[in-house]
Amino acid sequence: MKKTFLILVIIYMTAMLPCISKADNLADSLQIRARVGYNVGGTAPIGIPATIRSIDAFRLTPSFMAGVDLMLPLSSRWGVAAGLRFENKAMDADVTTKGYRMELVKGDSKIEGLFTGHVQQKVTQWMLTVPLEATFAFNRKFSLRAGPYVSILTNSKFSGIASGGYLRQGDPTGAKIIIGEKEGEWATYDFSDEMRHMQYGVSAGADWQVFRQIGISAELHWGLTGVLHSDFKTVEQTLYPIYGTISIFYRIK
């Protein structure tokens, strides 16, 4: 996946070089926009596996974003943009599973196998994100943008609770361990040490300048790398960060 991301960046930069070479008076044309927004989404596999029977709850989290973008028009329509954002991409959700591979801690014991029951999952990812985008303006107020991004995590947490079910140790015919619904009877898990410190992805969004200097935007960010290391096999499916962002921007220049 890392090679795919690098290829996308090379193709993007190659395509934009002819436009960049024609840009005059770069400092005068440069636009600066400050942004604040809110991220909504989650870490999920592509396609819900049969081992996840239902999504029972999805709670909003303090997933805020703040940053600044540098935008350079290259013609009346096309341009390029780069940014720096500090943001949190978090998730708090409950799911019902059947035969879902897990590594749990119950009391003083660590157990691994196939879990059937209720799982509460909490993910927190504080990060610095650098987007590199091409922009297309329909008019002075409305524009689209898209391109790759890279995120460096400064703090992360991936943990949760398993309850109201049982775990078959090792395989479907293994010893059955009952996991209760009350505190002290349930089991916990924490895969925070297995989280990646760098993520790659692509994003696309739209900006609408409502007033002379103030506007709103909507974006979709799709991670191309999973949030957990690829050699971590306890969670069988690759979990991708997929988030949307609603934000307000202020044109400084």
Protein backbone atom coordinates (compact mmCIF):
# COMPACT_ATOMS: atom_id res chain seq x y z
CA MET A 1 0.00 0.00 0.00
CA LYS A 2 2.94 2.34 0.66
CA LYS A 3 4.16 1.82 -2.92
CA THR A 4 0.67 2.60 -4.23
CA PHE A 5 0.64 5.87 -2.27
CA LEU A 6 4.06 6.89 -3.59
CA ILE A 7 2.98 6.14 -7.16
CA LEU A 8 -0.11 8.34 -6.68
CA VAL A 9 2.05 11.21 -5.40
CA ILE A 10 4.47 10.90 -8.34
CA ILE A 11 1.62 10.86 -10.88
CA TYR A 12 0.01 13.85 -9.16
CA MET A 13 3.21 15.92 -9.13
CA THR A 14 4.05 15.00 -12.74
CA ALA A 15 0.60 16.10 -13.89
CA MET A 16 0.88 19.44 -12.05
CA LEU A 17 4.41 20.36 -13.18
CA PRO A 18 3.33 21.99 -16.48
CA CYS A 19 0.85 24.16 -14.57
CA ILE A 20 3.37 25.11 -11.89
CA SER A 21 5.93 26.16 -14.52
CA LYS A 22 3.42 28.68 -15.91
CA ALA A 23 2.59 30.29 -12.58
CA ASP A 24 3.83 33.91 -12.26
CA ASN A 25 4.04 36.14 -9.22
CA LEU A 26 3.55 33.24 -6.82
CA ALA A 27 3.66 35.33 -3.67
CA ASP A 28 0.94 37.68 -4.94
CA SER A 29 -1.35 34.82 -6.01
CA LEU A 30 -0.95 32.75 -2.85
CA GLN A 31 -4.05 32.38 -0.67
CA ILE A 32 -3.97 31.43 3.02
CA ARG A 33 -6.99 29.85 4.73
CA ALA A 34 -7.37 28.91 8.39
CA ARG A 35 -9.76 26.03 9.12
CA VAL A 36 -11.55 24.54 12.12
CA GLY A 37 -13.84 21.54 11.80
CA TYR A 38 -15.23 18.31 13.12
CA ASN A 39 -14.42 14.75 11.97
CA VAL A 40 -17.05 12.01 11.84
CA GLY A 41 -16.27 8.43 10.85
CA GLY A 42 -14.53 5.33 12.05
CA THR A 43 -11.98 2.57 11.54
CA ALA A 44 -13.59 -0.25 9.58
CA PRO A 45 -12.82 -3.04 7.12
CA ILE A 46 -13.80 -2.66 3.48
CA GLY A 47 -17.03 -4.64 3.50
CA ILE A 48 -18.52 -5.78 6.80
CA PRO A 49 -17.32 -9.36 7.52
CA ALA A 50 -19.76 -12.12 8.48
CA THR A 51 -18.20 -12.24 11.96
CA ILE A 52 -19.67 -8.77 12.69
CA ARG A 53 -23.42 -9.38 12.93
CA SER A 54 -24.63 -5.85 13.70
CA ILE A 55 -23.59 -2.31 14.61
CA ASP A 56 -25.55 -1.56 17.78
CA ALA A 57 -24.40 1.96 18.71
CA PHE A 58 -22.25 4.78 17.36
CA ARG A 59 -21.43 7.67 19.69
CA LEU A 60 -20.02 11.06 18.69
CA THR A 61 -16.53 11.82 19.97
CA PRO A 62 -14.48 15.04 20.43
CA SER A 63 -12.89 14.71 16.97
CA PHE A 64 -11.90 18.28 16.20
CA MET A 65 -9.58 19.62 13.51
CA ALA A 66 -7.65 22.90 13.20
CA GLY A 67 -5.20 23.89 10.53
CA VAL A 68 -4.08 26.16 7.73
CA ASP A 69 -3.99 25.73 3.94
CA LEU A 70 -1.82 27.44 1.33
CA MET A 71 -3.64 27.64 -2.00
CA LEU A 72 -1.99 28.71 -5.26
CA PRO A 73 -4.18 29.44 -8.34
CA LEU A 74 -2.37 28.39 -11.53
CA SER A 75 -5.06 29.49 -13.95
CA SER A 76 -8.64 30.78 -13.85
CA ARG A 77 -9.79 27.24 -12.91
CA TRP A 78 -6.91 25.10 -11.69
CA GLY A 79 -4.63 25.38 -8.70
CA VAL A 80 -2.70 23.47 -6.04
CA ALA A 81 -3.01 23.44 -2.26
CA ALA A 82 -0.97 22.16 0.68
CA GLY A 83 -1.89 22.25 4.33
CA LEU A 84 -0.97 21.40 7.90
CA ARG A 85 -3.67 20.22 10.30
CA PHE A 86 -3.77 19.02 13.87
CA GLU A 87 -6.74 16.71 14.35
CA ASN A 88 -8.31 13.84 16.22
CA LYS A 89 -9.93 10.94 14.39
CA ALA A 90 -11.80 8.97 17.04
CA MET A 91 -14.52 6.33 17.21
CA ASP A 92 -16.75 4.93 19.95
CA ALA A 93 -19.00 2.11 18.74
CA ASP A 94 -20.71 -1.10 19.89
CA VAL A 95 -21.01 -4.19 17.70
CA THR A 96 -22.33 -7.73 18.05
CA THR A 97 -19.92 -10.43 16.85
CA LYS A 98 -19.97 -14.17 16.18
CA GLY A 99 -16.71 -16.08 15.96
CA TYR A 100 -14.64 -12.86 15.79
CA ARG A 101 -10.94 -13.43 16.53
CA MET A 102 -9.87 -11.53 19.65
CA GLU A 103 -7.11 -11.38 22.24
CA LEU A 104 -8.68 -10.54 25.61
CA VAL A 105 -7.64 -9.99 29.21
CA LYS A 106 -9.98 -11.50 31.80
CA GLY A 107 -8.85 -11.05 35.38
CA ASP A 108 -5.14 -11.79 35.41
CA SER A 109 -5.25 -14.07 32.36
CA LYS A 110 -4.76 -13.35 28.68
CA ILE A 111 -6.96 -15.46 26.38
CA GLU A 112 -7.15 -15.65 22.59
CA GLY A 113 -9.69 -17.22 20.30
CA LEU A 114 -13.07 -16.65 18.64
CA PHE A 115 -15.44 -14.37 20.54
CA THR A 116 -19.23 -14.30 20.25
CA GLY A 117 -21.00 -11.48 22.04
CA HIS A 118 -20.96 -7.73 22.50
CA VAL A 119 -17.88 -5.58 21.81
CA GLN A 120 -17.43 -1.91 22.70
CA GLN A 121 -14.55 -0.38 20.75
CA LYS A 122 -12.87 2.97 21.35
CA VAL A 123 -10.25 4.40 19.00
CA THR A 124 -8.45 7.73 19.44
CA GLN A 125 -5.88 9.08 16.98
CA TRP A 126 -4.29 12.49 17.50
CA MET A 127 -2.24 13.40 14.46
CA LEU A 128 -0.57 15.99 12.26
CA THR A 129 -1.89 15.73 8.70
CA VAL A 130 -0.35 17.19 5.54
CA PRO A 131 -2.69 17.18 2.50
CA LEU A 132 -1.42 17.87 -1.03
CA GLU A 133 -4.30 18.65 -3.38
CA ALA A 134 -5.27 19.84 -6.83
CA THR A 135 -8.07 22.43 -6.87
CA PHE A 136 -10.68 23.29 -9.50
CA ALA A 137 -12.79 26.45 -9.23
CA PHE A 138 -16.24 26.55 -10.84
CA ASN A 139 -16.52 30.22 -9.95
CA ARG A 140 -15.24 32.68 -7.35
CA LYS A 141 -17.24 31.05 -4.55
CA PHE A 142 -17.32 27.28 -5.21
CA SER A 143 -14.36 24.95 -5.76
CA LEU A 144 -13.38 21.28 -5.51
CA ARG A 145 -10.11 19.76 -4.34
CA ALA A 146 -8.60 16.29 -4.17
CA GLY A 147 -5.25 14.61 -3.59
CA PRO A 148 -3.11 12.45 -1.28
CA TYR A 149 -2.34 13.08 2.38
CA VAL A 150 0.05 11.77 5.02
CA SER A 151 -0.63 11.74 8.76
CA ILE A 152 1.87 11.37 11.60
CA LEU A 153 0.27 10.18 14.85
CA THR A 154 1.29 11.97 18.03
CA ASN A 155 -0.92 9.90 20.36
CA SER A 156 -3.19 6.92 19.79
CA LYS A 157 -5.39 4.44 21.65
CA PHE A 158 -7.21 1.30 20.47
CA SER A 159 -9.06 -0.50 23.27
CA GLY A 160 -12.41 -1.84 24.37
CA ILE A 161 -14.58 -4.25 26.33
CA ALA A 162 -15.99 -7.67 25.39
CA SER A 163 -19.09 -8.78 27.31
CA GLY A 164 -22.30 -10.80 27.22
CA GLY A 165 -20.96 -13.85 25.39
CA TYR A 166 -18.21 -16.43 25.27
CA LEU A 167 -14.80 -17.11 23.74
CA ARG A 168 -13.69 -20.37 22.14
CA GLN A 169 -9.98 -20.67 22.82
CA GLY A 170 -7.87 -21.15 19.72
CA ASP A 171 -10.51 -22.41 17.26
CA PRO A 172 -14.30 -23.03 17.04
CA THR A 173 -13.96 -26.33 18.94
CA GLY A 174 -11.71 -24.95 21.71
CA ALA A 175 -12.57 -24.60 25.38
CA LYS A 176 -15.53 -22.29 26.03
CA ILE A 177 -14.91 -19.36 28.37
CA ILE A 178 -17.96 -17.39 29.51
CA ILE A 179 -17.65 -13.59 29.33
CA GLY A 180 -20.23 -11.89 31.56
CA GLU A 181 -22.13 -8.63 31.14
CA LYS A 182 -21.19 -6.97 34.45
CA GLU A 183 -17.99 -5.24 35.45
CA GLY A 184 -15.65 -7.87 36.84
CA GLU A 185 -17.19 -10.51 34.58
CA TRP A 186 -16.34 -8.96 31.23
CA ALA A 187 -12.95 -8.95 29.44
CA THR A 188 -10.90 -6.10 27.99
CA TYR A 189 -8.44 -5.61 25.14
CA ASP A 190 -5.84 -3.00 24.27
CA PHE A 191 -4.05 -2.96 20.89
CA SER A 192 -2.64 0.56 21.25
CA ASP A 193 0.97 -0.62 20.91
CA GLU A 194 0.10 -2.19 17.54
CA MET A 195 -1.10 1.07 15.93
CA ARG A 196 0.80 2.64 13.04
CA HIS A 197 2.61 5.91 13.65
CA MET A 198 2.16 7.03 10.04
CA GLN A 199 -0.86 6.78 7.74
CA TYR A 200 -1.38 7.50 4.04
CA GLY A 201 -4.59 8.16 2.18
CA VAL A 202 -6.54 10.25 -0.31
CA SER A 203 -9.06 13.02 0.29
CA ALA A 204 -11.61 14.98 -1.71
CA GLY A 205 -13.65 17.99 -0.72
CA ALA A 206 -15.58 21.09 -1.69
CA ASP A 207 -15.24 24.71 -0.52
CA TRP A 208 -18.02 27.27 -0.64
CA GLN A 209 -17.06 30.85 0.17
CA VAL A 210 -20.24 32.18 1.75
CA PHE A 211 -18.93 35.68 2.48
CA ARG A 212 -15.88 37.59 1.32
CA GLN A 213 -13.52 35.91 3.78
CA ILE A 214 -15.59 33.17 5.46
CA GLY A 215 -16.72 29.87 3.97
CA ILE A 216 -17.69 26.29 4.72
CA SER A 217 -16.33 23.01 3.42
CA ALA A 218 -16.99 19.29 3.38
CA GLU A 219 -14.34 16.59 2.89
CA LEU A 220 -13.95 12.81 2.75
CA HIS A 221 -10.69 11.19 3.90
CA TRP A 222 -10.06 7.55 2.94
CA GLY A 223 -7.05 5.81 4.46
CA LEU A 224 -5.04 3.50 2.22
CA THR A 225 -3.19 1.96 5.18
CA GLY A 226 -4.77 0.18 8.12
CA VAL A 227 -4.60 1.71 11.60
CA LEU A 228 -2.85 -1.44 12.91
CA HIS A 229 0.50 -2.85 11.78
CA SER A 230 0.16 -5.28 8.88
CA ASP A 231 2.01 -8.03 10.81
CA PHE A 232 -0.54 -7.87 13.67
CA LYS A 233 -2.77 -10.89 12.98
CA THR A 234 -5.05 -10.98 16.03
CA VAL A 235 -7.53 -8.73 14.18
CA GLU A 236 -7.98 -10.56 10.88
CA GLN A 237 -9.45 -7.72 8.82
CA THR A 238 -7.52 -4.58 7.89
CA LEU A 239 -9.19 -1.60 9.58
CA TYR A 240 -9.01 1.57 7.48
CA PRO A 241 -9.58 5.12 8.79
CA ILE A 242 -12.56 6.54 6.86
CA TYR A 243 -13.76 9.98 7.98
CA GLY A 244 -15.73 12.95 6.77
CA THR A 245 -15.05 16.53 7.89
CA ILE A 246 -17.32 19.55 8.10
CA SER A 247 -15.37 22.78 8.64
CA ILE A 248 -15.42 26.56 8.55
CA PHE A 249 -12.55 28.45 6.93
CA TYR A 250 -11.37 32.05 7.10
CA ARG A 251 -9.41 33.53 4.23
CA ILE A 252 -6.44 35.34 5.80
CA LYS A 253 -4.95 36.42 2.46
